[in-house]
Amino acid sequence: MSDHHVLQAFRLNYLKSNNKNDNRVELIVEHMLSNYQKNITIEDMSKMVLLSTSSLRRLFKQQTGKSPSEFLTELKMVIAAKRILETDERISEIGNYVDEVLSLTGTRPVHSSECCAGE
């Protein structure tokens, strides 16, 4: 499955689950799908649709069930998983991509030594 097919599946899933799509959210989703490899900021997206960052977050969550960063992170993780399954790319290279995704979203992976502390 090509990246195009993954992106199309994300687009269809979003559109299918929302009968009353707000054009501003559709514009942001399309922007994310077209530019997921770049550093996309909430500030840039807010300017695109002439909303404050808090208004954009609220509207996006209402329309998609996810925050903009959750949506983008999920998209990037699906792309990474596809790369693991379908390419000869080294896992370490894909891991670097995943680390970059996590750092951009403020998320950090749980290391095995931290996983079940206190259990």
Protein backbone atom coordinates (compact mmCIF):
# COMPACT_ATOMS: atom_id res chain seq x y z
CA MET A 1 0.00 0.00 0.00
CA SER A 2 1.50 3.33 -1.02
CA ASP A 3 1.58 6.44 1.17
CA HIS A 4 -1.11 7.81 -1.13
CA HIS A 5 -3.41 4.93 -0.18
CA VAL A 6 -2.75 5.42 3.54
CA LEU A 7 -3.49 9.13 3.21
CA GLN A 8 -6.64 8.39 1.23
CA ALA A 9 -7.80 5.95 3.93
CA PHE A 10 -7.27 8.64 6.59
CA ARG A 11 -9.21 11.13 4.48
CA LEU A 12 -12.10 8.73 3.90
CA ASN A 13 -12.22 7.68 7.54
CA TYR A 14 -12.44 11.29 8.61
CA LEU A 15 -15.05 12.20 6.02
CA LYS A 16 -17.13 9.08 6.62
CA SER A 17 -17.34 9.65 10.36
CA ASN A 18 -18.43 13.29 10.02
CA ASN A 19 -21.58 14.13 8.10
CA LYS A 20 -21.38 17.82 8.99
CA ASN A 21 -17.80 18.68 8.18
CA ASP A 22 -16.59 22.17 8.88
CA ASN A 23 -14.65 23.48 5.88
CA ARG A 24 -11.94 24.85 8.16
CA VAL A 25 -11.32 21.42 9.68
CA GLU A 26 -11.33 19.83 6.22
CA LEU A 27 -8.71 22.37 5.14
CA ILE A 28 -6.54 21.53 8.17
CA VAL A 29 -6.91 17.78 7.58
CA GLU A 30 -5.90 18.21 3.94
CA HIS A 31 -2.95 20.36 5.01
CA MET A 32 -1.81 17.66 7.46
CA LEU A 33 -2.20 14.91 4.87
CA SER A 34 -0.20 16.89 2.31
CA ASN A 35 2.52 18.07 4.68
CA TYR A 36 2.85 15.37 7.35
CA GLN A 37 6.63 15.15 6.71
CA LYS A 38 7.08 18.79 7.72
CA ASN A 39 6.91 20.49 11.09
CA ILE A 40 3.26 21.55 11.28
CA THR A 41 2.39 23.90 14.14
CA ILE A 42 -0.96 24.72 15.68
CA GLU A 43 -0.13 28.40 15.22
CA ASP A 44 0.35 27.99 11.47
CA MET A 45 -2.86 26.00 11.15
CA SER A 46 -4.75 28.60 13.21
CA LYS A 47 -3.58 31.36 10.88
CA MET A 48 -4.66 29.30 7.89
CA VAL A 49 -8.26 29.18 9.05
CA LEU A 50 -8.35 32.50 10.93
CA LEU A 51 -9.06 31.00 14.36
CA SER A 52 -7.28 31.28 17.68
CA THR A 53 -5.28 28.20 18.64
CA SER A 54 -7.75 27.29 21.39
CA SER A 55 -10.72 27.68 19.04
CA LEU A 56 -9.03 25.52 16.42
CA ARG A 57 -8.23 22.80 18.97
CA ARG A 58 -11.83 22.81 20.22
CA LEU A 59 -13.37 22.76 16.73
CA PHE A 60 -10.97 20.10 15.46
CA LYS A 61 -11.69 17.84 18.46
CA GLN A 62 -15.46 18.30 17.99
CA GLN A 63 -15.22 17.37 14.32
CA THR A 64 -12.68 14.53 14.44
CA GLY A 65 -12.75 13.23 18.01
CA LYS A 66 -9.00 13.93 18.22
CA SER A 67 -6.85 16.94 18.91
CA PRO A 68 -4.80 18.20 15.96
CA SER A 69 -1.62 16.75 17.48
CA GLU A 70 -3.30 13.37 18.16
CA PHE A 71 -4.55 13.24 14.57
CA LEU A 72 -1.13 14.10 13.14
CA THR A 73 0.69 11.69 15.47
CA GLU A 74 -1.66 8.85 14.51
CA LEU A 75 -1.12 9.61 10.84
CA LYS A 76 2.67 9.62 11.23
CA MET A 77 2.66 6.40 13.26
CA VAL A 78 0.59 4.63 10.61
CA ILE A 79 3.05 5.82 7.96
CA ALA A 80 5.95 4.54 10.11
CA ALA A 81 4.27 1.15 10.61
CA LYS A 82 3.71 0.90 6.86
CA ARG A 83 7.38 1.66 6.25
CA ILE A 84 8.40 -1.11 8.67
CA LEU A 85 6.17 -3.63 6.94
CA GLU A 86 6.71 -2.67 3.33
CA THR A 87 10.23 -1.32 2.88
CA ASP A 88 13.79 -2.47 3.34
CA GLU A 89 14.47 0.67 5.32
CA ARG A 90 16.44 0.05 8.50
CA ILE A 91 14.39 -0.05 11.67
CA SER A 92 16.83 2.44 13.23
CA GLU A 93 16.00 4.96 10.47
CA ILE A 94 12.28 4.49 11.01
CA GLY A 95 12.91 4.70 14.76
CA ASN A 96 14.55 8.08 14.27
CA TYR A 97 11.44 9.19 12.38
CA VAL A 98 9.22 7.96 15.24
CA ASP A 99 11.42 9.71 17.83
CA GLU A 100 11.09 12.92 15.84
CA VAL A 101 7.29 12.49 15.73
CA LEU A 102 7.15 11.92 19.47
CA SER A 103 9.38 14.86 20.27
CA LEU A 104 7.31 17.20 18.09
CA THR A 105 4.16 16.19 19.94
CA GLY A 106 5.73 16.38 23.38
CA THR A 107 5.29 12.66 23.92
CA ARG A 108 8.10 10.42 25.00
CA PRO A 109 8.30 6.67 24.73
CA VAL A 110 8.05 4.54 27.84
CA HIS A 111 11.24 2.58 28.40
CA SER A 112 10.94 -0.97 29.62
CA SER A 113 12.55 -0.05 32.97
CA GLU A 114 9.80 2.54 33.53
CA CYS A 115 6.92 0.44 32.25
CA CYS A 116 5.63 -1.27 35.29
CA ALA A 117 7.39 0.55 38.11
CA GLY A 118 5.73 -0.04 41.43
CA GLU A 119 3.88 -3.18 40.35
